[in-house]
């Protein structure tokens, strides 16, 4: 109990000695479970004395963890700026590219944007998808219909987007064959539908090889590694915890800029906090990850 109080309030042995009148040597032994006398009695005296000064642990410490909180990183802001620009522009240069290593948050950002904006739809390209299948998925997200043929899907998309522009966000686009991207170029021309392609860095070189596609790209946004501030913000948003700057830096170094690692580590930290009935993340916890 004494160790938890000290951790919770960042109390030193010297401070407790001044408050309770019990020497630091005894307090250190109590804290570390090495006191040879009547530990329960002397620790109770210390705890009761500290209570007089307002140092008590919250009863029934409530700590929850929501891993799905959304953090507005610089990457997210750049994504939104490009998506808004594509929706608000004319047909000229109406392709956008979002590139970056896996784990940087591209997919989560794209889904968030599509949920927040009814003019945007999110489509995941799956390896092996044919051109008609991809067109049908795009049609379904835009119209709610999944026609049998490619041509019927095209007609339905054209009818719907004639009255309201839609932004089509294609995830895992770096895995698409060039002929699929050419189909999207045709869709862009015929239906005046802006397209945003998401993928790892190879997507930029794939497009640069095709002059007709390269000229249509309005902007390329590269998802950079997350920052130390993003780590702190995530812990505050997901658990309501304020991290010590040294701890934030250590967690950031472990992540190597990958948000997935931050989320995974946060869950492990959450379990440690619950087990120790505390809300203070220590360097020792980080070292145990």
C-alpha atoms as a PDB file:
ATOM      1  CA  UNK A   1       0.000   0.000   0.000  1.00  0.00           C
ATOM      2  CA  UNK A   2       2.816   2.429   0.875  1.00  0.00           C
ATOM      3  CA  UNK A   3       4.554   1.804  -2.454  1.00  0.00           C
ATOM      4  CA  UNK A   4       1.294   2.478  -4.344  1.00  0.00           C
ATOM      5  CA  UNK A   5       0.710   5.722  -2.429  1.00  0.00           C
ATOM      6  CA  UNK A   6       4.239   6.908  -3.171  1.00  0.00           C
ATOM      7  CA  UNK A   7       3.858   6.048  -6.842  1.00  0.00           C
ATOM      8  CA  UNK A   8       0.429   7.645  -7.132  1.00  0.00           C
ATOM      9  CA  UNK A   9       1.445  10.950  -5.536  1.00  0.00           C
ATOM     10  CA  UNK A  10       5.118  10.915  -6.555  1.00  0.00           C
ATOM     11  CA  UNK A  11       6.110  11.099  -2.878  1.00  0.00           C
ATOM     12  CA  UNK A  12       9.726  10.650  -1.815  1.00  0.00           C
ATOM     13  CA  UNK A  13      10.935   8.885   1.315  1.00  0.00           C
ATOM     14  CA  UNK A  14      12.179  12.221   2.615  1.00  0.00           C
ATOM     15  CA  UNK A  15       8.746  13.815   2.233  1.00  0.00           C
ATOM     16  CA  UNK A  16       7.052  10.928   4.050  1.00  0.00           C
ATOM     17  CA  UNK A  17       9.647  11.086   6.829  1.00  0.00           C
ATOM     18  CA  UNK A  18       8.812  14.748   7.396  1.00  0.00           C
ATOM     19  CA  UNK A  19       5.066  14.049   7.371  1.00  0.00           C
ATOM     20  CA  UNK A  20       5.063  10.963   9.614  1.00  0.00           C
ATOM     21  CA  UNK A  21       8.204  11.275  11.735  1.00  0.00           C
ATOM     22  CA  UNK A  22       9.316   7.773  10.737  1.00  0.00           C
ATOM     23  CA  UNK A  23      12.880   7.499   9.496  1.00  0.00           C
ATOM     24  CA  UNK A  24      13.673   6.883   5.831  1.00  0.00           C
ATOM     25  CA  UNK A  25      15.430   3.573   6.497  1.00  0.00           C
ATOM     26  CA  UNK A  26      12.296   2.077   8.045  1.00  0.00           C
ATOM     27  CA  UNK A  27      10.131   3.544   5.298  1.00  0.00           C
ATOM     28  CA  UNK A  28      12.391   2.100   2.597  1.00  0.00           C
ATOM     29  CA  UNK A  29      12.179  -1.362   4.173  1.00  0.00           C
ATOM     30  CA  UNK A  30       8.387  -1.070   4.384  1.00  0.00           C
ATOM     31  CA  UNK A  31       8.094   0.046   0.800  1.00  0.00           C
ATOM     32  CA  UNK A  32      10.204  -2.835  -0.484  1.00  0.00           C
ATOM     33  CA  UNK A  33       8.619  -5.495   1.747  1.00  0.00           C
ATOM     34  CA  UNK A  34      11.821  -6.112   3.732  1.00  0.00           C
ATOM     35  CA  UNK A  35      10.782  -4.803   7.165  1.00  0.00           C
ATOM     36  CA  UNK A  36      11.418  -7.514   9.782  1.00  0.00           C
ATOM     37  CA  UNK A  37       9.164  -6.153  12.512  1.00  0.00           C
ATOM     38  CA  UNK A  38       5.371  -5.935  12.631  1.00  0.00           C
ATOM     39  CA  UNK A  39       5.024  -4.705   9.054  1.00  0.00           C
ATOM     40  CA  UNK A  40       1.221  -4.457   9.077  1.00  0.00           C
ATOM     41  CA  UNK A  41       1.145  -2.349  12.233  1.00  0.00           C
ATOM     42  CA  UNK A  42       3.861   0.123  11.293  1.00  0.00           C
ATOM     43  CA  UNK A  43       2.622   0.468   7.715  1.00  0.00           C
ATOM     44  CA  UNK A  44      -0.903   1.138   8.984  1.00  0.00           C
ATOM     45  CA  UNK A  45       0.492   3.912  11.178  1.00  0.00           C
ATOM     46  CA  UNK A  46       2.222   5.460   8.177  1.00  0.00           C
ATOM     47  CA  UNK A  47      -0.878   5.186   5.977  1.00  0.00           C
ATOM     48  CA  UNK A  48      -3.149   6.669   8.631  1.00  0.00           C
ATOM     49  CA  UNK A  49      -0.761   9.579   9.174  1.00  0.00           C
ATOM     50  CA  UNK A  50      -0.609  10.252   5.433  1.00  0.00           C
ATOM     51  CA  UNK A  51      -4.416  10.209   5.269  1.00  0.00           C
ATOM     52  CA  UNK A  52      -4.446  13.168   7.671  1.00  0.00           C
ATOM     53  CA  UNK A  53      -2.596  15.126   4.990  1.00  0.00           C
ATOM     54  CA  UNK A  54      -5.006  14.011   2.235  1.00  0.00           C
ATOM     55  CA  UNK A  55      -2.855  11.268   0.727  1.00  0.00           C
ATOM     56  CA  UNK A  56      -5.288   8.440   0.021  1.00  0.00           C
ATOM     57  CA  UNK A  57      -5.659   6.128  -2.944  1.00  0.00           C
ATOM     58  CA  UNK A  58      -8.915   6.464  -4.889  1.00  0.00           C
ATOM     59  CA  UNK A  59     -11.337   3.752  -3.774  1.00  0.00           C
ATOM     60  CA  UNK A  60     -12.132   1.213  -6.431  1.00  0.00           C
ATOM     61  CA  UNK A  61      -9.696   2.665  -8.955  1.00  0.00           C
ATOM     62  CA  UNK A  62     -11.550   2.816 -12.274  1.00  0.00           C
ATOM     63  CA  UNK A  63      -9.384   2.477 -15.318  1.00  0.00           C
ATOM     64  CA  UNK A  64     -10.691   1.695 -18.780  1.00  0.00           C
ATOM     65  CA  UNK A  65      -9.030   1.296 -22.142  1.00  0.00           C
ATOM     66  CA  UNK A  66     -10.531   2.212 -25.498  1.00  0.00           C
ATOM     67  CA  UNK A  67      -8.055   1.175 -28.217  1.00  0.00           C
ATOM     68  CA  UNK A  68     -10.177   2.636 -31.017  1.00  0.00           C
ATOM     69  CA  UNK A  69      -9.838   6.308 -30.097  1.00  0.00           C
ATOM     70  CA  UNK A  70      -8.898   8.503 -33.044  1.00  0.00           C
ATOM     71  CA  UNK A  71      -5.857  10.748 -32.747  1.00  0.00           C
ATOM     72  CA  UNK A  72      -5.574  13.768 -35.052  1.00  0.00           C
ATOM     73  CA  UNK A  73      -1.964  13.443 -36.071  1.00  0.00           C
ATOM     74  CA  UNK A  74      -0.274  15.576 -38.710  1.00  0.00           C
ATOM     75  CA  UNK A  75      -0.779  12.664 -41.117  1.00  0.00           C
ATOM     76  CA  UNK A  76      -4.533  12.781 -40.528  1.00  0.00           C
ATOM     77  CA  UNK A  77      -4.678  16.518 -41.140  1.00  0.00           C
ATOM     78  CA  UNK A  78      -2.819  16.152 -44.446  1.00  0.00           C
ATOM     79  CA  UNK A  79      -5.101  13.305 -45.500  1.00  0.00           C
ATOM     80  CA  UNK A  80      -8.200  15.375 -44.765  1.00  0.00           C
ATOM     81  CA  UNK A  81      -6.812  18.376 -46.616  1.00  0.00           C
ATOM     82  CA  UNK A  82      -6.193  16.292 -49.748  1.00  0.00           C
ATOM     83  CA  UNK A  83      -9.575  14.520 -49.564  1.00  0.00           C
ATOM     84  CA  UNK A  84     -11.440  17.811 -49.104  1.00  0.00           C
ATOM     85  CA  UNK A  85      -9.505  19.290 -52.001  1.00  0.00           C
ATOM     86  CA  UNK A  86     -10.402  16.402 -54.308  1.00  0.00           C
ATOM     87  CA  UNK A  87     -14.078  16.665 -53.416  1.00  0.00           C
ATOM     88  CA  UNK A  88     -14.138  20.406 -53.919  1.00  0.00           C
ATOM     89  CA  UNK A  89     -12.174  20.570 -57.165  1.00  0.00           C
ATOM     90  CA  UNK A  90     -12.992  20.185 -60.840  1.00  0.00           C
ATOM     91  CA  UNK A  91     -11.995  17.093 -62.813  1.00  0.00           C
ATOM     92  CA  UNK A  92      -8.438  18.303 -63.510  1.00  0.00           C
ATOM     93  CA  UNK A  93      -5.822  16.341 -61.533  1.00  0.00           C
ATOM     94  CA  UNK A  94      -8.441  14.448 -59.575  1.00  0.00           C
ATOM     95  CA  UNK A  95      -6.300  11.553 -58.341  1.00  0.00           C
ATOM     96  CA  UNK A  96      -4.756  11.683 -54.878  1.00  0.00           C
ATOM     97  CA  UNK A  97      -2.083   9.374 -53.497  1.00  0.00           C
ATOM     98  CA  UNK A  98      -1.544   8.485 -49.839  1.00  0.00           C
ATOM     99  CA  UNK A  99       1.604   6.428 -49.359  1.00  0.00           C
ATOM    100  CA  UNK A 100       3.485   5.097 -46.375  1.00  0.00           C
ATOM    101  CA  UNK A 101       4.618   2.042 -44.473  1.00  0.00           C
ATOM    102  CA  UNK A 102       2.057  -0.327 -42.998  1.00  0.00           C
ATOM    103  CA  UNK A 103       1.133   0.627 -39.445  1.00  0.00           C
ATOM    104  CA  UNK A 104       1.178   4.382 -39.957  1.00  0.00           C
ATOM    105  CA  UNK A 105      -2.629   4.707 -39.774  1.00  0.00           C
ATOM    106  CA  UNK A 106      -3.643   5.104 -43.430  1.00  0.00           C
ATOM    107  CA  UNK A 107      -6.523   2.620 -43.285  1.00  0.00           C
ATOM    108  CA  UNK A 108      -7.963   3.899 -40.020  1.00  0.00           C
ATOM    109  CA  UNK A 109      -7.789   7.475 -41.301  1.00  0.00           C
ATOM    110  CA  UNK A 110      -9.510   6.546 -44.574  1.00  0.00           C
ATOM    111  CA  UNK A 111     -12.343   4.738 -42.799  1.00  0.00           C
ATOM    112  CA  UNK A 112     -12.729   7.630 -40.353  1.00  0.00           C
ATOM    113  CA  UNK A 113     -12.983  10.112 -43.232  1.00  0.00           C
ATOM    114  CA  UNK A 114     -15.535   8.006 -45.108  1.00  0.00           C
ATOM    115  CA  UNK A 115     -17.679   7.662 -41.973  1.00  0.00           C
ATOM    116  CA  UNK A 116     -17.524  11.395 -41.285  1.00  0.00           C
ATOM    117  CA  UNK A 117     -18.181  12.454 -44.879  1.00  0.00           C
ATOM    118  CA  UNK A 118     -21.158  11.046 -46.794  1.00  0.00           C
ATOM    119  CA  UNK A 119     -19.565  12.151 -50.067  1.00  0.00           C
ATOM    120  CA  UNK A 120     -16.674   9.701 -49.615  1.00  0.00           C
ATOM    121  CA  UNK A 121     -16.685   5.909 -49.879  1.00  0.00           C
ATOM    122  CA  UNK A 122     -14.052   3.416 -48.742  1.00  0.00           C
ATOM    123  CA  UNK A 123     -13.232   0.301 -50.781  1.00  0.00           C
ATOM    124  CA  UNK A 124     -10.630  -2.314 -49.840  1.00  0.00           C
ATOM    125  CA  UNK A 125      -8.884  -3.919 -52.800  1.00  0.00           C
ATOM    126  CA  UNK A 126      -8.334  -7.633 -52.165  1.00  0.00           C
ATOM    127  CA  UNK A 127      -5.646  -9.594 -54.007  1.00  0.00           C
ATOM    128  CA  UNK A 128      -7.155 -11.434 -56.963  1.00  0.00           C
ATOM    129  CA  UNK A 129     -10.095  -9.058 -57.404  1.00  0.00           C
ATOM    130  CA  UNK A 130     -11.043  -8.747 -61.069  1.00  0.00           C
ATOM    131  CA  UNK A 131     -11.881  -5.425 -62.689  1.00  0.00           C
ATOM    132  CA  UNK A 132     -15.639  -6.198 -62.707  1.00  0.00           C
ATOM    133  CA  UNK A 133     -15.486  -7.193 -59.031  1.00  0.00           C
ATOM    134  CA  UNK A 134     -13.719  -3.955 -58.105  1.00  0.00           C
ATOM    135  CA  UNK A 135     -16.246  -1.923 -60.106  1.00  0.00           C
ATOM    136  CA  UNK A 136     -19.130  -3.734 -58.404  1.00  0.00           C
ATOM    137  CA  UNK A 137     -17.688  -2.993 -54.959  1.00  0.00           C
ATOM    138  CA  UNK A 138     -17.307   0.682 -55.819  1.00  0.00           C
ATOM    139  CA  UNK A 139     -20.872   0.713 -57.150  1.00  0.00           C
ATOM    140  CA  UNK A 140     -22.165  -0.922 -53.978  1.00  0.00           C
ATOM    141  CA  UNK A 141     -20.506   1.633 -51.729  1.00  0.00           C
ATOM    142  CA  UNK A 142     -21.859   4.520 -53.809  1.00  0.00           C
ATOM    143  CA  UNK A 143     -25.350   3.265 -54.689  1.00  0.00           C
ATOM    144  CA  UNK A 144     -26.098   0.302 -52.428  1.00  0.00           C
ATOM    145  CA  UNK A 145     -26.390  -1.884 -55.550  1.00  0.00           C
ATOM    146  CA  UNK A 146     -24.068  -4.630 -56.743  1.00  0.00           C
ATOM    147  CA  UNK A 147     -24.906  -5.195 -60.458  1.00  0.00           C
ATOM    148  CA  UNK A 148     -23.902  -8.394 -62.212  1.00  0.00           C
ATOM    149  CA  UNK A 149     -21.757  -6.856 -64.919  1.00  0.00           C
ATOM    150  CA  UNK A 150     -19.032  -4.228 -65.122  1.00  0.00           C
ATOM    151  CA  UNK A 151     -21.063  -2.158 -67.591  1.00  0.00           C
ATOM    152  CA  UNK A 152     -24.174  -2.163 -65.393  1.00  0.00           C
ATOM    153  CA  UNK A 153     -22.066  -1.067 -62.417  1.00  0.00           C
ATOM    154  CA  UNK A 154     -20.629   1.764 -64.479  1.00  0.00           C
ATOM    155  CA  UNK A 155     -24.102   2.941 -65.494  1.00  0.00           C
ATOM    156  CA  UNK A 156     -25.315   2.963 -61.865  1.00  0.00           C
ATOM    157  CA  UNK A 157     -22.244   4.888 -60.677  1.00  0.00           C
ATOM    158  CA  UNK A 158     -22.699   7.417 -63.477  1.00  0.00           C
ATOM    159  CA  UNK A 159     -26.378   7.956 -62.668  1.00  0.00           C
ATOM    160  CA  UNK A 160     -25.701   8.547 -58.967  1.00  0.00           C
ATOM    161  CA  UNK A 161     -22.627  10.750 -59.296  1.00  0.00           C
ATOM    162  CA  UNK A 162     -24.310  12.908 -61.922  1.00  0.00           C
ATOM    163  CA  UNK A 163     -26.135  14.711 -59.122  1.00  0.00           C
ATOM    164  CA  UNK A 164     -23.640  14.391 -56.289  1.00  0.00           C
ATOM    165  CA  UNK A 165     -19.853  14.073 -56.509  1.00  0.00           C
ATOM    166  CA  UNK A 166     -18.330  11.154 -54.631  1.00  0.00           C
ATOM    167  CA  UNK A 167     -14.741  10.566 -53.586  1.00  0.00           C
ATOM    168  CA  UNK A 168     -13.696   6.924 -53.978  1.00  0.00           C
ATOM    169  CA  UNK A 169     -10.927   5.852 -51.575  1.00  0.00           C
ATOM    170  CA  UNK A 170      -9.218   2.619 -52.622  1.00  0.00           C
ATOM    171  CA  UNK A 171      -7.112   0.936 -49.928  1.00  0.00           C
ATOM    172  CA  UNK A 172      -4.259  -1.512 -50.654  1.00  0.00           C
ATOM    173  CA  UNK A 173      -3.985   0.092 -54.093  1.00  0.00           C
ATOM    174  CA  UNK A 174      -0.270  -0.735 -54.272  1.00  0.00           C
ATOM    175  CA  UNK A 175      -1.321  -4.369 -54.837  1.00  0.00           C
ATOM    176  CA  UNK A 176      -3.531  -3.553 -57.834  1.00  0.00           C
ATOM    177  CA  UNK A 177      -2.395  -4.426 -61.372  1.00  0.00           C
ATOM    178  CA  UNK A 178      -1.959  -1.422 -63.670  1.00  0.00           C
ATOM    179  CA  UNK A 179      -4.997  -2.437 -65.709  1.00  0.00           C
ATOM    180  CA  UNK A 180      -7.160  -1.933 -62.614  1.00  0.00           C
ATOM    181  CA  UNK A 181      -5.730   1.549 -62.154  1.00  0.00           C
ATOM    182  CA  UNK A 182      -6.443   2.230 -65.821  1.00  0.00           C
ATOM    183  CA  UNK A 183     -10.058   1.235 -65.163  1.00  0.00           C
ATOM    184  CA  UNK A 184     -10.183   3.773 -62.345  1.00  0.00           C
ATOM    185  CA  UNK A 185      -8.837   6.401 -64.734  1.00  0.00           C
ATOM    186  CA  UNK A 186     -11.712   5.595 -67.089  1.00  0.00           C
ATOM    187  CA  UNK A 187     -14.191   5.763 -64.218  1.00  0.00           C
ATOM    188  CA  UNK A 188     -12.734   9.113 -63.269  1.00  0.00           C
ATOM    189  CA  UNK A 189     -13.182  10.426 -66.817  1.00  0.00           C
ATOM    190  CA  UNK A 190     -16.671   9.103 -67.484  1.00  0.00           C
ATOM    191  CA  UNK A 191     -18.307   9.700 -64.103  1.00  0.00           C
ATOM    192  CA  UNK A 192     -16.183  12.635 -62.888  1.00  0.00           C
ATOM    193  CA  UNK A 193     -15.371  10.711 -59.735  1.00  0.00           C
ATOM    194  CA  UNK A 194     -12.197  11.802 -57.881  1.00  0.00           C
ATOM    195  CA  UNK A 195     -10.066   8.861 -56.751  1.00  0.00           C
ATOM    196  CA  UNK A 196      -7.747   8.511 -53.774  1.00  0.00           C
ATOM    197  CA  UNK A 197      -5.319   5.571 -53.792  1.00  0.00           C
ATOM    198  CA  UNK A 198      -3.785   4.280 -50.542  1.00  0.00           C
ATOM    199  CA  UNK A 199      -0.809   1.973 -50.322  1.00  0.00           C
ATOM    200  CA  UNK A 200       2.794   1.434 -49.406  1.00  0.00           C
ATOM    201  CA  UNK A 201       5.503   3.503 -51.073  1.00  0.00           C
ATOM    202  CA  UNK A 202       5.539   1.375 -54.241  1.00  0.00           C
ATOM    203  CA  UNK A 203       2.240   2.969 -55.310  1.00  0.00           C
ATOM    204  CA  UNK A 204       4.020   6.215 -56.241  1.00  0.00           C
ATOM    205  CA  UNK A 205       6.512   4.490 -58.559  1.00  0.00           C
ATOM    206  CA  UNK A 206       3.737   2.426 -60.128  1.00  0.00           C
ATOM    207  CA  UNK A 207       1.855   5.569 -61.114  1.00  0.00           C
ATOM    208  CA  UNK A 208       4.945   7.460 -62.230  1.00  0.00           C
ATOM    209  CA  UNK A 209       5.530   4.803 -64.909  1.00  0.00           C
ATOM    210  CA  UNK A 210       2.218   5.705 -66.550  1.00  0.00           C
ATOM    211  CA  UNK A 211       2.285   9.245 -67.960  1.00  0.00           C
ATOM    212  CA  UNK A 212      -1.486   9.387 -68.449  1.00  0.00           C
ATOM    213  CA  UNK A 213      -1.979   8.568 -64.778  1.00  0.00           C
ATOM    214  CA  UNK A 214       0.887  10.657 -63.425  1.00  0.00           C
ATOM    215  CA  UNK A 215      -0.553  13.818 -64.978  1.00  0.00           C
ATOM    216  CA  UNK A 216      -3.816  13.276 -63.110  1.00  0.00           C
ATOM    217  CA  UNK A 217      -2.272  13.164 -59.640  1.00  0.00           C
ATOM    218  CA  UNK A 218      -3.078  16.310 -57.712  1.00  0.00           C
ATOM    219  CA  UNK A 219      -0.910  15.578 -54.688  1.00  0.00           C
ATOM    220  CA  UNK A 220       0.994  12.807 -52.917  1.00  0.00           C
ATOM    221  CA  UNK A 221       0.680  12.638 -49.129  1.00  0.00           C
ATOM    222  CA  UNK A 222       3.252  10.502 -47.329  1.00  0.00           C
ATOM    223  CA  UNK A 223       2.351   9.174 -43.881  1.00  0.00           C
ATOM    224  CA  UNK A 224       5.370   9.893 -41.693  1.00  0.00           C
ATOM    225  CA  UNK A 225       6.266   8.145 -38.390  1.00  0.00           C
ATOM    226  CA  UNK A 226       4.106   9.235 -35.471  1.00  0.00           C
ATOM    227  CA  UNK A 227       5.542  11.753 -33.004  1.00  0.00           C
ATOM    228  CA  UNK A 228       6.208  11.603 -29.259  1.00  0.00           C
ATOM    229  CA  UNK A 229       3.264  13.987 -28.814  1.00  0.00           C
ATOM    230  CA  UNK A 230       1.015  11.516 -30.664  1.00  0.00           C
ATOM    231  CA  UNK A 231       1.964   8.822 -28.127  1.00  0.00           C
ATOM    232  CA  UNK A 232       1.027  11.065 -25.196  1.00  0.00           C
ATOM    233  CA  UNK A 233      -2.227  12.060 -26.877  1.00  0.00           C
ATOM    234  CA  UNK A 234      -3.169   8.426 -27.485  1.00  0.00           C
ATOM    235  CA  UNK A 235      -2.693   7.452 -23.823  1.00  0.00           C
ATOM    236  CA  UNK A 236      -4.694  10.464 -22.694  1.00  0.00           C
ATOM    237  CA  UNK A 237      -7.523   9.705 -25.125  1.00  0.00           C
ATOM    238  CA  UNK A 238      -7.605   5.916 -24.650  1.00  0.00           C
ATOM    239  CA  UNK A 239      -7.081   5.712 -20.868  1.00  0.00           C
ATOM    240  CA  UNK A 240      -7.212   9.253 -19.492  1.00  0.00           C
ATOM    241  CA  UNK A 241      -3.570   8.959 -18.429  1.00  0.00           C
ATOM    242  CA  UNK A 242      -0.919  11.676 -18.606  1.00  0.00           C
ATOM    243  CA  UNK A 243       2.467  10.154 -19.365  1.00  0.00           C
ATOM    244  CA  UNK A 244       5.753  11.363 -17.971  1.00  0.00           C
ATOM    245  CA  UNK A 245       7.811  12.840 -20.867  1.00  0.00           C
ATOM    246  CA  UNK A 246      10.558  10.247 -20.322  1.00  0.00           C
ATOM    247  CA  UNK A 247       8.006   7.429 -20.538  1.00  0.00           C
ATOM    248  CA  UNK A 248       6.436   8.914 -23.686  1.00  0.00           C
ATOM    249  CA  UNK A 249       9.848   9.064 -25.328  1.00  0.00           C
ATOM    250  CA  UNK A 250      10.642   5.454 -24.408  1.00  0.00           C
ATOM    251  CA  UNK A 251       7.309   4.212 -25.799  1.00  0.00           C
ATOM    252  CA  UNK A 252       7.849   6.237 -28.969  1.00  0.00           C
ATOM    253  CA  UNK A 253      11.300   4.727 -29.496  1.00  0.00           C
ATOM    254  CA  UNK A 254       9.825   1.236 -29.110  1.00  0.00           C
ATOM    255  CA  UNK A 255       7.163   1.965 -31.715  1.00  0.00           C
ATOM    256  CA  UNK A 256       9.569   2.994 -34.489  1.00  0.00           C
ATOM    257  CA  UNK A 257       6.841   5.341 -35.685  1.00  0.00           C
ATOM    258  CA  UNK A 258       4.238   2.567 -35.969  1.00  0.00           C
ATOM    259  CA  UNK A 259       0.822   3.258 -34.445  1.00  0.00           C
ATOM    260  CA  UNK A 260      -0.005  -0.451 -34.300  1.00  0.00           C
ATOM    261  CA  UNK A 261       2.852  -1.024 -31.870  1.00  0.00           C
ATOM    262  CA  UNK A 262       1.661   1.892 -29.732  1.00  0.00           C
ATOM    263  CA  UNK A 263      -1.812   0.338 -29.481  1.00  0.00           C
ATOM    264  CA  UNK A 264      -0.397  -3.108 -28.699  1.00  0.00           C
ATOM    265  CA  UNK A 265       1.918  -1.718 -25.998  1.00  0.00           C
ATOM    266  CA  UNK A 266      -0.880   0.400 -24.540  1.00  0.00           C
ATOM    267  CA  UNK A 267      -2.973  -2.713 -23.947  1.00  0.00           C
ATOM    268  CA  UNK A 268      -0.068  -4.410 -22.174  1.00  0.00           C
ATOM    269  CA  UNK A 269       0.496  -1.279 -20.065  1.00  0.00           C
ATOM    270  CA  UNK A 270      -3.225  -1.164 -19.238  1.00  0.00           C
ATOM    271  CA  UNK A 271      -3.076  -4.709 -17.869  1.00  0.00           C
ATOM    272  CA  UNK A 272      -0.064  -3.811 -15.709  1.00  0.00           C
ATOM    273  CA  UNK A 273      -1.848  -0.750 -14.350  1.00  0.00           C
ATOM    274  CA  UNK A 274      -4.933  -2.778 -13.468  1.00  0.00           C
ATOM    275  CA  UNK A 275      -2.847  -5.453 -11.768  1.00  0.00           C
ATOM    276  CA  UNK A 276      -1.007  -2.848  -9.677  1.00  0.00           C
ATOM    277  CA  UNK A 277      -4.093  -0.684  -9.043  1.00  0.00           C
ATOM    278  CA  UNK A 278      -2.365   2.453 -10.248  1.00  0.00           C
ATOM    279  CA  UNK A 279      -2.642   5.009 -13.033  1.00  0.00           C
ATOM    280  CA  UNK A 280       1.059   5.865 -13.159  1.00  0.00           C
ATOM    281  CA  UNK A 281       3.042   4.401 -16.056  1.00  0.00           C
ATOM    282  CA  UNK A 282       6.651   3.850 -15.015  1.00  0.00           C
ATOM    283  CA  UNK A 283       9.846   3.178 -16.927  1.00  0.00           C
ATOM    284  CA  UNK A 284       9.910  -0.244 -15.294  1.00  0.00           C
ATOM    285  CA  UNK A 285       6.604  -1.076 -17.008  1.00  0.00           C
ATOM    286  CA  UNK A 286       7.994   0.042 -20.354  1.00  0.00           C
ATOM    287  CA  UNK A 287      11.068  -2.143 -19.840  1.00  0.00           C
ATOM    288  CA  UNK A 288       8.800  -5.150 -19.169  1.00  0.00           C
ATOM    289  CA  UNK A 289       7.073  -4.828 -22.551  1.00  0.00           C
END
